[in-house]
Amino acid sequence: MFTFETLFFILLMIMTALSLKKEEGSLLSVSNTLHLRGIFALCIMTFHISATTDLFYPVFAYLGLTVVGAFFFLSGYGLMKGYLTKKDYHKGFLKKRLFSLILPYLFMNLVYWTYYNLNEEYHAFHELFTIYFTNRNLVMYSWFIKDIIIHYLEFFLLMILFREKKERMYQCSILLFLFDFIITLLGFSNPYLINGAFAAGMIYAYKEETFVPLLKKYHKPMIMISLILAFAFRTPYLHNSRFFLIEKLILVILILSVLTAYRIENKVFAFAGKISLCIYMCHGLGKAIVRRFYGGPLFIQDLAIYIITLFLSVFFDRLFGFLNKKLNKK
């Protein structure tokens, strides 16, 4: 079936291609990272909205798992980069990083809880407090937000433990990566948990000066090899949850190889990047509202989900920005 997600996905890929501007050396700059966050948010939203009958659903399913891994790689890279370049990075970390994520998530849990109960999908009041310690979620598709909060806490504790011993932090990131890599290959890891991708981002940040020359020198063959491997791991012979971490890293290598020679410049992606957290938290609510109250053609339903998600994301992004300023003044 040709749905709105298919049309949106084709448009997204065309926009991504047209957004690449020839420029060497930008790689994971602040601008590129912001644009990537926007692209990732739109890809993940498309995956969650799409139906299994969609023409491109296998592609959406692939992006749904691997793009989250790439997002965690960026998170690990960003935190490690800050730790390596900023003095006393641990000071104010909880307020700047963790609270800016936890407080919006707590608020959105209340929003979803209210929506469910108003629509006779009853949830007990205590779930607002206990949901964080279970595998269930009030905010739809928010399992990875719990994961990133855990990673932020882990990173903060490691900073407190090692302080300025940056090599120890690097060694710890290697151990975290190897642990996740091994248990994934052995089949004991949940493919939705992406500790290895987060640790890989930390490793890349520490060894960036070593990796960048290699990427610049071999980026063309690495792009081709990454594309071939990406397709290979989707075949019945290699498509296995044991290789999900490898698939995530292949996507990361592909992105880094492309960004060696290009930068991303697109106002839509930059805007989506700025409100990406709210897109992650709001698209499930947009989907629930449309699916419940509108029974029209699927194409129109999905278009409405995108529109409502955009409205909700902008609204809550502005609200959280306003509340954050008020809290910082205090």
C-alpha atoms as a PDB file:
ATOM      1  CA  MET A   1       0.000   0.000   0.000  1.00  0.00           C
ATOM      2  CA  PHE A   2       1.280   3.480  -0.896  1.00  0.00           C
ATOM      3  CA  THR A   3       0.771   5.565   2.259  1.00  0.00           C
ATOM      4  CA  PHE A   4       1.663   9.092   3.282  1.00  0.00           C
ATOM      5  CA  GLU A   5       4.745   7.753   5.107  1.00  0.00           C
ATOM      6  CA  THR A   6       6.065   6.443   1.795  1.00  0.00           C
ATOM      7  CA  LEU A   7       5.634   9.847   0.180  1.00  0.00           C
ATOM      8  CA  PHE A   8       7.157  11.570   3.199  1.00  0.00           C
ATOM      9  CA  PHE A   9      10.088   9.153   3.292  1.00  0.00           C
ATOM     10  CA  ILE A  10      10.856   9.697  -0.415  1.00  0.00           C
ATOM     11  CA  LEU A  11      10.690  13.458   0.159  1.00  0.00           C
ATOM     12  CA  LEU A  12      12.932  13.097   3.219  1.00  0.00           C
ATOM     13  CA  MET A  13      15.588  11.200   1.249  1.00  0.00           C
ATOM     14  CA  ILE A  14      15.480  13.756  -1.595  1.00  0.00           C
ATOM     15  CA  MET A  15      15.784  16.628   0.881  1.00  0.00           C
ATOM     16  CA  THR A  16      18.725  14.915   2.599  1.00  0.00           C
ATOM     17  CA  ALA A  17      20.541  14.480  -0.710  1.00  0.00           C
ATOM     18  CA  LEU A  18      19.906  18.104  -1.694  1.00  0.00           C
ATOM     19  CA  SER A  19      21.022  19.305   1.755  1.00  0.00           C
ATOM     20  CA  LEU A  20      24.568  17.987   1.309  1.00  0.00           C
ATOM     21  CA  LYS A  21      26.947  20.832   0.476  1.00  0.00           C
ATOM     22  CA  LYS A  22      30.510  20.162  -0.634  1.00  0.00           C
ATOM     23  CA  GLU A  23      32.772  21.031   2.275  1.00  0.00           C
ATOM     24  CA  GLU A  24      35.588  19.001   3.799  1.00  0.00           C
ATOM     25  CA  GLY A  25      36.239  18.572   7.476  1.00  0.00           C
ATOM     26  CA  SER A  26      32.946  19.577   9.117  1.00  0.00           C
ATOM     27  CA  LEU A  27      32.064  16.031  10.272  1.00  0.00           C
ATOM     28  CA  LEU A  28      30.312  16.159  13.669  1.00  0.00           C
ATOM     29  CA  SER A  29      30.188  19.944  13.968  1.00  0.00           C
ATOM     30  CA  VAL A  30      27.451  21.534  16.064  1.00  0.00           C
ATOM     31  CA  SER A  31      25.520  22.359  12.871  1.00  0.00           C
ATOM     32  CA  ASN A  32      25.838  18.879  11.352  1.00  0.00           C
ATOM     33  CA  THR A  33      24.866  17.246  14.642  1.00  0.00           C
ATOM     34  CA  LEU A  34      21.770  19.445  14.924  1.00  0.00           C
ATOM     35  CA  HIS A  35      20.720  18.535  11.374  1.00  0.00           C
ATOM     36  CA  LEU A  36      21.315  14.831  12.043  1.00  0.00           C
ATOM     37  CA  ARG A  37      19.150  14.969  15.157  1.00  0.00           C
ATOM     38  CA  GLY A  38      16.358  16.418  13.025  1.00  0.00           C
ATOM     39  CA  ILE A  39      16.720  13.755  10.317  1.00  0.00           C
ATOM     40  CA  PHE A  40      16.804  10.987  12.942  1.00  0.00           C
ATOM     41  CA  ALA A  41      13.671  12.302  14.672  1.00  0.00           C
ATOM     42  CA  LEU A  42      11.737  12.419  11.383  1.00  0.00           C
ATOM     43  CA  CYS A  43      12.914   8.894  10.440  1.00  0.00           C
ATOM     44  CA  ILE A  44      11.901   7.413  13.785  1.00  0.00           C
ATOM     45  CA  MET A  45       8.510   9.156  13.698  1.00  0.00           C
ATOM     46  CA  THR A  46       7.910   7.783  10.189  1.00  0.00           C
ATOM     47  CA  PHE A  47       8.781   4.258  11.344  1.00  0.00           C
ATOM     48  CA  HIS A  48       6.348   4.408  14.277  1.00  0.00           C
ATOM     49  CA  ILE A  49       3.495   5.836  12.209  1.00  0.00           C
ATOM     50  CA  SER A  50       3.909   3.445   9.288  1.00  0.00           C
ATOM     51  CA  ALA A  51       1.753   0.342   8.960  1.00  0.00           C
ATOM     52  CA  THR A  52       3.141  -3.126   8.205  1.00  0.00           C
ATOM     53  CA  THR A  53       1.384  -2.998   4.836  1.00  0.00           C
ATOM     54  CA  ASP A  54       3.379   0.052   3.783  1.00  0.00           C
ATOM     55  CA  LEU A  55       5.418  -0.323   0.608  1.00  0.00           C
ATOM     56  CA  PHE A  56       8.615   0.791   2.334  1.00  0.00           C
ATOM     57  CA  TYR A  57       7.966  -0.756   5.752  1.00  0.00           C
ATOM     58  CA  PRO A  58      11.123  -2.961   5.673  1.00  0.00           C
ATOM     59  CA  VAL A  59      13.156   0.207   5.130  1.00  0.00           C
ATOM     60  CA  PHE A  60      11.297   1.985   7.943  1.00  0.00           C
ATOM     61  CA  ALA A  61      11.900  -0.986  10.258  1.00  0.00           C
ATOM     62  CA  TYR A  62      15.623  -0.894   9.467  1.00  0.00           C
ATOM     63  CA  LEU A  63      15.803   2.833  10.152  1.00  0.00           C
ATOM     64  CA  GLY A  64      13.799   2.507  13.354  1.00  0.00           C
ATOM     65  CA  LEU A  65      16.453   0.348  14.992  1.00  0.00           C
ATOM     66  CA  THR A  66      19.661   1.657  13.450  1.00  0.00           C
ATOM     67  CA  VAL A  67      18.886   5.385  13.566  1.00  0.00           C
ATOM     68  CA  VAL A  68      18.306   5.233  17.337  1.00  0.00           C
ATOM     69  CA  GLY A  69      21.734   3.616  17.618  1.00  0.00           C
ATOM     70  CA  ALA A  70      23.240   6.480  15.590  1.00  0.00           C
ATOM     71  CA  PHE A  71      21.470   8.954  17.874  1.00  0.00           C
ATOM     72  CA  PHE A  72      23.059   7.290  20.907  1.00  0.00           C
ATOM     73  CA  PHE A  73      26.445   7.439  19.181  1.00  0.00           C
ATOM     74  CA  LEU A  74      25.998  11.219  18.832  1.00  0.00           C
ATOM     75  CA  SER A  75      25.011  11.446  22.503  1.00  0.00           C
ATOM     76  CA  GLY A  76      28.090   9.546  23.640  1.00  0.00           C
ATOM     77  CA  TYR A  77      30.269  11.649  21.350  1.00  0.00           C
ATOM     78  CA  GLY A  78      28.794  14.941  22.579  1.00  0.00           C
ATOM     79  CA  LEU A  79      29.191  14.111  26.266  1.00  0.00           C
ATOM     80  CA  MET A  80      32.744  12.830  25.849  1.00  0.00           C
ATOM     81  CA  LYS A  81      33.710  15.839  23.714  1.00  0.00           C
ATOM     82  CA  GLY A  82      32.440  18.190  26.412  1.00  0.00           C
ATOM     83  CA  TYR A  83      34.301  16.251  29.091  1.00  0.00           C
ATOM     84  CA  LEU A  84      37.557  16.375  27.103  1.00  0.00           C
ATOM     85  CA  THR A  85      37.427  20.051  26.130  1.00  0.00           C
ATOM     86  CA  LYS A  86      35.694  21.828  29.032  1.00  0.00           C
ATOM     87  CA  LYS A  87      37.172  22.251  32.482  1.00  0.00           C
ATOM     88  CA  ASP A  88      35.032  20.990  35.371  1.00  0.00           C
ATOM     89  CA  TYR A  89      32.469  19.620  32.943  1.00  0.00           C
ATOM     90  CA  HIS A  90      30.809  17.701  35.764  1.00  0.00           C
ATOM     91  CA  LYS A  91      29.782  20.941  37.488  1.00  0.00           C
ATOM     92  CA  GLY A  92      26.247  21.822  36.533  1.00  0.00           C
ATOM     93  CA  PHE A  93      25.988  18.650  34.438  1.00  0.00           C
ATOM     94  CA  LEU A  94      22.867  17.376  36.185  1.00  0.00           C
ATOM     95  CA  LYS A  95      21.060  20.680  35.793  1.00  0.00           C
ATOM     96  CA  LYS A  96      22.122  21.431  32.216  1.00  0.00           C
ATOM     97  CA  ARG A  97      21.939  17.960  30.747  1.00  0.00           C
ATOM     98  CA  LEU A  98      19.880  15.644  32.921  1.00  0.00           C
ATOM     99  CA  PHE A  99      17.151  17.951  34.196  1.00  0.00           C
ATOM    100  CA  SER A 100      16.587  19.369  30.700  1.00  0.00           C
ATOM    101  CA  LEU A 101      15.647  15.815  29.708  1.00  0.00           C
ATOM    102  CA  ILE A 102      14.003  14.471  32.865  1.00  0.00           C
ATOM    103  CA  LEU A 103      11.637  17.370  33.580  1.00  0.00           C
ATOM    104  CA  PRO A 104      10.046  17.393  30.080  1.00  0.00           C
ATOM    105  CA  TYR A 105       9.753  13.599  30.249  1.00  0.00           C
ATOM    106  CA  LEU A 106       8.028  13.773  33.652  1.00  0.00           C
ATOM    107  CA  PHE A 107       5.643  16.406  32.316  1.00  0.00           C
ATOM    108  CA  MET A 108       4.814  14.391  29.192  1.00  0.00           C
ATOM    109  CA  ASN A 109       4.085  11.317  31.305  1.00  0.00           C
ATOM    110  CA  LEU A 110       1.456  13.414  33.086  1.00  0.00           C
ATOM    111  CA  VAL A 111       0.054  14.559  29.721  1.00  0.00           C
ATOM    112  CA  TYR A 112      -0.245  10.966  28.445  1.00  0.00           C
ATOM    113  CA  TRP A 113      -1.661   9.740  31.770  1.00  0.00           C
ATOM    114  CA  THR A 114      -4.345  12.434  31.584  1.00  0.00           C
ATOM    115  CA  TYR A 115      -5.149  11.593  27.946  1.00  0.00           C
ATOM    116  CA  TYR A 116      -5.476   7.877  28.685  1.00  0.00           C
ATOM    117  CA  ASN A 117      -7.783   8.372  31.657  1.00  0.00           C
ATOM    118  CA  LEU A 118      -9.978  10.901  29.864  1.00  0.00           C
ATOM    119  CA  ASN A 119     -10.470   8.310  27.133  1.00  0.00           C
ATOM    120  CA  GLU A 120     -11.292   5.463  29.522  1.00  0.00           C
ATOM    121  CA  GLU A 121      -7.888   3.799  29.195  1.00  0.00           C
ATOM    122  CA  TYR A 122      -7.462   3.891  32.939  1.00  0.00           C
ATOM    123  CA  HIS A 123      -4.035   4.050  34.564  1.00  0.00           C
ATOM    124  CA  ALA A 124      -3.590   4.224  38.324  1.00  0.00           C
ATOM    125  CA  PHE A 125      -2.120   7.421  39.787  1.00  0.00           C
ATOM    126  CA  HIS A 126       0.884   5.561  41.200  1.00  0.00           C
ATOM    127  CA  GLU A 127       1.977   4.671  37.650  1.00  0.00           C
ATOM    128  CA  LEU A 128       3.166   8.258  37.265  1.00  0.00           C
ATOM    129  CA  PHE A 129       5.906   7.336  39.741  1.00  0.00           C
ATOM    130  CA  THR A 130       6.431   3.601  39.236  1.00  0.00           C
ATOM    131  CA  ILE A 131       6.482   3.585  35.413  1.00  0.00           C
ATOM    132  CA  TYR A 132      10.154   4.637  35.404  1.00  0.00           C
ATOM    133  CA  PHE A 133      11.197   1.377  37.033  1.00  0.00           C
ATOM    134  CA  THR A 134       9.304  -0.993  34.729  1.00  0.00           C
ATOM    135  CA  ASN A 135       9.410  -1.992  31.063  1.00  0.00           C
ATOM    136  CA  ARG A 136       6.109  -0.196  30.439  1.00  0.00           C
ATOM    137  CA  ASN A 137       5.803   3.394  29.222  1.00  0.00           C
ATOM    138  CA  LEU A 138       3.093   6.021  29.455  1.00  0.00           C
ATOM    139  CA  VAL A 139       4.770   8.142  26.783  1.00  0.00           C
ATOM    140  CA  MET A 140       4.512   6.000  23.655  1.00  0.00           C
ATOM    141  CA  TYR A 141       7.815   4.781  22.153  1.00  0.00           C
ATOM    142  CA  SER A 142       9.810   6.409  24.964  1.00  0.00           C
ATOM    143  CA  TRP A 143      11.909   3.404  26.031  1.00  0.00           C
ATOM    144  CA  PHE A 144      15.058   5.014  24.637  1.00  0.00           C
ATOM    145  CA  ILE A 145      14.478   8.208  26.669  1.00  0.00           C
ATOM    146  CA  LYS A 146      14.744   6.051  29.776  1.00  0.00           C
ATOM    147  CA  ASP A 147      17.923   4.586  28.304  1.00  0.00           C
ATOM    148  CA  ILE A 148      19.499   7.965  27.604  1.00  0.00           C
ATOM    149  CA  ILE A 149      18.674   9.139  31.149  1.00  0.00           C
ATOM    150  CA  ILE A 150      20.466   6.051  32.472  1.00  0.00           C
ATOM    151  CA  HIS A 151      23.462   6.766  30.229  1.00  0.00           C
ATOM    152  CA  TYR A 152      23.596  10.379  31.411  1.00  0.00           C
ATOM    153  CA  LEU A 153      23.623   9.164  35.023  1.00  0.00           C
ATOM    154  CA  GLU A 154      26.326   6.606  34.233  1.00  0.00           C
ATOM    155  CA  PHE A 155      28.437   9.260  32.509  1.00  0.00           C
ATOM    156  CA  PHE A 156      28.030  11.656  35.428  1.00  0.00           C
ATOM    157  CA  LEU A 157      29.106   9.001  37.932  1.00  0.00           C
ATOM    158  CA  LEU A 158      32.125   8.141  35.789  1.00  0.00           C
ATOM    159  CA  MET A 159      33.106  11.815  35.682  1.00  0.00           C
ATOM    160  CA  ILE A 160      32.861  12.022  39.463  1.00  0.00           C
ATOM    161  CA  LEU A 161      34.913   8.834  39.780  1.00  0.00           C
ATOM    162  CA  PHE A 162      37.682   9.715  37.319  1.00  0.00           C
ATOM    163  CA  ARG A 163      37.580  13.545  37.395  1.00  0.00           C
ATOM    164  CA  GLU A 164      40.494  14.636  35.176  1.00  0.00           C
ATOM    165  CA  LYS A 165      41.749  11.085  34.499  1.00  0.00           C
ATOM    166  CA  LYS A 166      40.550  11.203  30.909  1.00  0.00           C
ATOM    167  CA  GLU A 167      42.420   8.102  29.803  1.00  0.00           C
ATOM    168  CA  ARG A 168      40.581   6.098  32.457  1.00  0.00           C
ATOM    169  CA  MET A 169      37.284   7.337  31.047  1.00  0.00           C
ATOM    170  CA  TYR A 170      38.421   6.226  27.594  1.00  0.00           C
ATOM    171  CA  GLN A 171      39.415   2.802  28.892  1.00  0.00           C
ATOM    172  CA  CYS A 172      36.048   2.466  30.607  1.00  0.00           C
ATOM    173  CA  SER A 173      34.236   3.302  27.348  1.00  0.00           C
ATOM    174  CA  ILE A 174      36.183   0.513  25.602  1.00  0.00           C
ATOM    175  CA  LEU A 175      35.142  -1.969  28.289  1.00  0.00           C
ATOM    176  CA  LEU A 176      31.488  -0.879  27.991  1.00  0.00           C
ATOM    177  CA  PHE A 177      31.606  -1.278  24.219  1.00  0.00           C
ATOM    178  CA  LEU A 178      33.279  -4.713  24.327  1.00  0.00           C
ATOM    179  CA  PHE A 179      30.834  -5.930  26.967  1.00  0.00           C
ATOM    180  CA  ASP A 180      27.797  -4.924  24.890  1.00  0.00           C
ATOM    181  CA  PHE A 181      29.378  -6.201  21.677  1.00  0.00           C
ATOM    182  CA  ILE A 182      30.103  -9.628  23.153  1.00  0.00           C
ATOM    183  CA  ILE A 183      26.759 -10.172  24.883  1.00  0.00           C
ATOM    184  CA  THR A 184      24.963  -9.028  21.707  1.00  0.00           C
ATOM    185  CA  LEU A 185      26.857 -11.558  19.598  1.00  0.00           C
ATOM    186  CA  LEU A 186      26.036 -14.229  22.176  1.00  0.00           C
ATOM    187  CA  GLY A 187      22.346 -13.353  21.897  1.00  0.00           C
ATOM    188  CA  PHE A 188      21.874 -12.098  25.456  1.00  0.00           C
ATOM    189  CA  SER A 189      21.360  -8.409  24.692  1.00  0.00           C
ATOM    190  CA  ASN A 190      18.078  -6.701  23.936  1.00  0.00           C
ATOM    191  CA  PRO A 191      18.441  -5.112  20.445  1.00  0.00           C
ATOM    192  CA  TYR A 192      16.644  -2.013  21.736  1.00  0.00           C
ATOM    193  CA  LEU A 193      19.403  -1.374  24.270  1.00  0.00           C
ATOM    194  CA  ILE A 194      22.228   0.513  22.644  1.00  0.00           C
ATOM    195  CA  ASN A 195      24.969   0.784  25.248  1.00  0.00           C
ATOM    196  CA  GLY A 196      27.559  -0.198  22.639  1.00  0.00           C
ATOM    197  CA  ALA A 197      26.615   2.658  20.294  1.00  0.00           C
ATOM    198  CA  PHE A 198      26.819   5.170  23.150  1.00  0.00           C
ATOM    199  CA  ALA A 199      30.237   3.835  24.190  1.00  0.00           C
ATOM    200  CA  ALA A 200      31.400   3.892  20.540  1.00  0.00           C
ATOM    201  CA  GLY A 201      30.582   7.615  20.438  1.00  0.00           C
ATOM    202  CA  MET A 202      32.749   8.143  23.526  1.00  0.00           C
ATOM    203  CA  ILE A 203      35.604   6.208  21.941  1.00  0.00           C
ATOM    204  CA  TYR A 204      35.359   8.180  18.704  1.00  0.00           C
ATOM    205  CA  ALA A 205      35.460  11.488  20.605  1.00  0.00           C
ATOM    206  CA  TYR A 206      38.627  10.475  22.445  1.00  0.00           C
ATOM    207  CA  LYS A 207      40.365   9.180  19.296  1.00  0.00           C
ATOM    208  CA  GLU A 208      38.860  11.687  16.857  1.00  0.00           C
ATOM    209  CA  GLU A 209      42.257  12.987  15.735  1.00  0.00           C
ATOM    210  CA  THR A 210      43.183   9.427  14.750  1.00  0.00           C
ATOM    211  CA  PHE A 211      39.903   8.576  13.013  1.00  0.00           C
ATOM    212  CA  VAL A 212      39.387  11.776  11.011  1.00  0.00           C
ATOM    213  CA  PRO A 213      42.505  11.427   8.770  1.00  0.00           C
ATOM    214  CA  LEU A 214      41.510   7.838   8.000  1.00  0.00           C
ATOM    215  CA  LEU A 215      37.967   8.908   7.129  1.00  0.00           C
ATOM    216  CA  LYS A 216      39.247  11.675   4.884  1.00  0.00           C
ATOM    217  CA  LYS A 217      41.638   9.336   3.094  1.00  0.00           C
ATOM    218  CA  TYR A 218      39.286   6.415   2.584  1.00  0.00           C
ATOM    219  CA  HIS A 219      35.805   7.976   2.719  1.00  0.00           C
ATOM    220  CA  LYS A 220      34.835   6.990  -0.844  1.00  0.00           C
ATOM    221  CA  PRO A 221      35.529   3.238  -0.500  1.00  0.00           C
ATOM    222  CA  MET A 222      34.075   3.325   3.022  1.00  0.00           C
ATOM    223  CA  ILE A 223      30.801   4.759   1.684  1.00  0.00           C
ATOM    224  CA  MET A 224      30.558   1.940  -0.865  1.00  0.00           C
ATOM    225  CA  ILE A 225      31.526  -0.755   1.657  1.00  0.00           C
ATOM    226  CA  SER A 226      29.054   0.601   4.240  1.00  0.00           C
ATOM    227  CA  LEU A 227      26.204   0.574   1.708  1.00  0.00           C
ATOM    228  CA  ILE A 228      27.026  -2.980   0.630  1.00  0.00           C
ATOM    229  CA  LEU A 229      27.205  -4.179   4.247  1.00  0.00           C
ATOM    230  CA  ALA A 230      23.980  -2.349   5.145  1.00  0.00           C
ATOM    231  CA  PHE A 231      22.149  -4.292   2.432  1.00  0.00           C
ATOM    232  CA  ALA A 232      23.981  -7.531   3.259  1.00  0.00           C
ATOM    233  CA  PHE A 233      22.872  -7.460   6.892  1.00  0.00           C
ATOM    234  CA  ARG A 234      19.244  -7.161   5.787  1.00  0.00           C
ATOM    235  CA  THR A 235      19.384 -10.433   3.849  1.00  0.00           C
ATOM    236  CA  PRO A 236      18.007 -13.637   5.428  1.00  0.00           C
ATOM    237  CA  TYR A 237      21.580 -14.915   5.822  1.00  0.00           C
ATOM    238  CA  LEU A 238      22.758 -12.125   8.126  1.00  0.00           C
ATOM    239  CA  HIS A 239      19.547 -10.560   9.451  1.00  0.00           C
ATOM    240  CA  ASN A 240      19.813 -11.516  13.107  1.00  0.00           C
ATOM    241  CA  SER A 241      19.430  -9.653  16.399  1.00  0.00           C
ATOM    242  CA  ARG A 242      22.993 -10.717  17.255  1.00  0.00           C
ATOM    243  CA  PHE A 243      24.236  -8.310  14.579  1.00  0.00           C
ATOM    244  CA  PHE A 244      22.089  -5.262  15.452  1.00  0.00           C
ATOM    245  CA  LEU A 245      25.007  -3.430  17.075  1.00  0.00           C
ATOM    246  CA  ILE A 246      27.093  -4.036  13.954  1.00  0.00           C
ATOM    247  CA  GLU A 247      24.282  -2.644  11.790  1.00  0.00           C
ATOM    248  CA  LYS A 248      24.137   0.493  13.925  1.00  0.00           C
ATOM    249  CA  LEU A 249      27.891   1.002  13.596  1.00  0.00           C
ATOM    250  CA  ILE A 250      27.716   0.487   9.818  1.00  0.00           C
ATOM    251  CA  LEU A 251      25.207   3.348   9.622  1.00  0.00           C
ATOM    252  CA  VAL A 252      27.474   5.503  11.805  1.00  0.00           C
ATOM    253  CA  ILE A 253      30.485   4.792   9.563  1.00  0.00           C
ATOM    254  CA  LEU A 254      28.398   5.644   6.493  1.00  0.00           C
ATOM    255  CA  ILE A 255      27.298   8.958   8.033  1.00  0.00           C
ATOM    256  CA  LEU A 256      30.832   9.884   9.117  1.00  0.00           C
ATOM    257  CA  SER A 257      32.220   8.974   5.683  1.00  0.00           C
ATOM    258  CA  VAL A 258      29.669  11.197   3.932  1.00  0.00           C
ATOM    259  CA  LEU A 259      30.236  14.087   6.354  1.00  0.00           C
ATOM    260  CA  THR A 260      33.968  13.913   5.666  1.00  0.00           C
ATOM    261  CA  ALA A 261      33.318  15.531   2.303  1.00  0.00           C
ATOM    262  CA  TYR A 262      29.971  17.270   2.890  1.00  0.00           C
ATOM    263  CA  ARG A 263      28.106  19.359   5.418  1.00  0.00           C
ATOM    264  CA  ILE A 264      24.334  19.392   5.905  1.00  0.00           C
ATOM    265  CA  GLU A 265      22.426  22.616   5.362  1.00  0.00           C
ATOM    266  CA  ASN A 266      18.654  22.557   5.547  1.00  0.00           C
ATOM    267  CA  LYS A 267      16.347  24.816   7.589  1.00  0.00           C
ATOM    268  CA  VAL A 268      13.697  22.107   7.986  1.00  0.00           C
ATOM    269  CA  PHE A 269      16.175  19.597   9.433  1.00  0.00           C
ATOM    270  CA  ALA A 270      17.744  22.251  11.674  1.00  0.00           C
ATOM    271  CA  PHE A 271      14.296  23.182  13.019  1.00  0.00           C
ATOM    272  CA  ALA A 272      13.402  19.514  13.547  1.00  0.00           C
ATOM    273  CA  GLY A 273      16.718  19.066  15.356  1.00  0.00           C
ATOM    274  CA  LYS A 274      15.886  21.867  17.796  1.00  0.00           C
ATOM    275  CA  ILE A 275      12.538  20.280  18.711  1.00  0.00           C
ATOM    276  CA  SER A 276      13.655  16.657  18.259  1.00  0.00           C
ATOM    277  CA  LEU A 277      13.039  15.679  21.899  1.00  0.00           C
ATOM    278  CA  CYS A 278       9.454  16.895  21.662  1.00  0.00           C
ATOM    279  CA  ILE A 279       8.983  15.108  18.314  1.00  0.00           C
ATOM    280  CA  TYR A 280      10.054  11.869  20.015  1.00  0.00           C
ATOM    281  CA  MET A 281       7.636  12.416  22.899  1.00  0.00           C
ATOM    282  CA  CYS A 282       4.664  13.832  20.939  1.00  0.00           C
ATOM    283  CA  HIS A 283       4.292  11.687  17.811  1.00  0.00           C
ATOM    284  CA  GLY A 284       2.796   8.802  19.808  1.00  0.00           C
ATOM    285  CA  LEU A 285       0.179  11.167  21.221  1.00  0.00           C
ATOM    286  CA  GLY A 286      -0.557  12.555  17.758  1.00  0.00           C
ATOM    287  CA  LYS A 287      -0.974   9.014  16.455  1.00  0.00           C
ATOM    288  CA  ALA A 288      -3.274   8.028  19.346  1.00  0.00           C
ATOM    289  CA  ILE A 289      -5.503  11.089  18.882  1.00  0.00           C
ATOM    290  CA  VAL A 290      -5.933  10.652  15.123  1.00  0.00           C
ATOM    291  CA  ARG A 291      -6.427   6.883  15.210  1.00  0.00           C
ATOM    292  CA  ARG A 292      -9.080   7.253  17.931  1.00  0.00           C
ATOM    293  CA  PHE A 293     -11.098  10.193  16.646  1.00  0.00           C
ATOM    294  CA  TYR A 294     -10.740  10.047  12.851  1.00  0.00           C
ATOM    295  CA  GLY A 295     -11.768   7.034  10.808  1.00  0.00           C
ATOM    296  CA  GLY A 296     -11.144   8.416   7.335  1.00  0.00           C
ATOM    297  CA  PRO A 297      -8.708   7.207   4.660  1.00  0.00           C
ATOM    298  CA  LEU A 298      -5.370   5.995   6.015  1.00  0.00           C
ATOM    299  CA  PHE A 299      -3.450   8.464   3.835  1.00  0.00           C
ATOM    300  CA  ILE A 300      -5.345  11.405   5.393  1.00  0.00           C
ATOM    301  CA  GLN A 301      -4.977   9.917   8.883  1.00  0.00           C
ATOM    302  CA  ASP A 302      -1.215   9.759   8.565  1.00  0.00           C
ATOM    303  CA  LEU A 303      -0.995  13.268   7.141  1.00  0.00           C
ATOM    304  CA  ALA A 304      -3.030  14.478  10.141  1.00  0.00           C
ATOM    305  CA  ILE A 305      -0.633  12.697  12.527  1.00  0.00           C
ATOM    306  CA  TYR A 306       2.333  14.577  11.065  1.00  0.00           C
ATOM    307  CA  ILE A 307       0.502  17.903  11.320  1.00  0.00           C
ATOM    308  CA  ILE A 308      -0.698  17.335  14.905  1.00  0.00           C
ATOM    309  CA  THR A 309       2.744  16.073  15.943  1.00  0.00           C
ATOM    310  CA  LEU A 310       4.345  19.222  14.550  1.00  0.00           C
ATOM    311  CA  PHE A 311       1.856  21.428  16.408  1.00  0.00           C
ATOM    312  CA  LEU A 312       2.289  19.540  19.700  1.00  0.00           C
ATOM    313  CA  SER A 313       6.081  19.460  19.369  1.00  0.00           C
ATOM    314  CA  VAL A 314       6.369  23.194  18.780  1.00  0.00           C
ATOM    315  CA  PHE A 315       3.921  23.960  21.604  1.00  0.00           C
ATOM    316  CA  PHE A 316       5.672  21.797  24.200  1.00  0.00           C
ATOM    317  CA  ASP A 317       9.147  22.874  23.055  1.00  0.00           C
ATOM    318  CA  ARG A 318       8.163  26.500  23.667  1.00  0.00           C
ATOM    319  CA  LEU A 319       6.556  25.582  26.999  1.00  0.00           C
ATOM    320  CA  PHE A 320       9.628  23.677  28.215  1.00  0.00           C
ATOM    321  CA  GLY A 321      11.895  26.505  27.067  1.00  0.00           C
ATOM    322  CA  PHE A 322       9.805  29.009  29.044  1.00  0.00           C
ATOM    323  CA  LEU A 323       9.786  26.816  32.185  1.00  0.00           C
ATOM    324  CA  ASN A 324      13.528  26.199  31.882  1.00  0.00           C
ATOM    325  CA  LYS A 325      14.223  29.940  31.847  1.00  0.00           C
ATOM    326  CA  LYS A 326      12.053  30.413  34.919  1.00  0.00           C
ATOM    327  CA  LEU A 327      13.880  27.632  36.778  1.00  0.00           C
ATOM    328  CA  ASN A 328      17.307  28.960  35.805  1.00  0.00           C
ATOM    329  CA  LYS A 329      16.417  32.417  37.149  1.00  0.00           C
ATOM    330  CA  LYS A 330      15.683  30.853  40.512  1.00  0.00           C
END
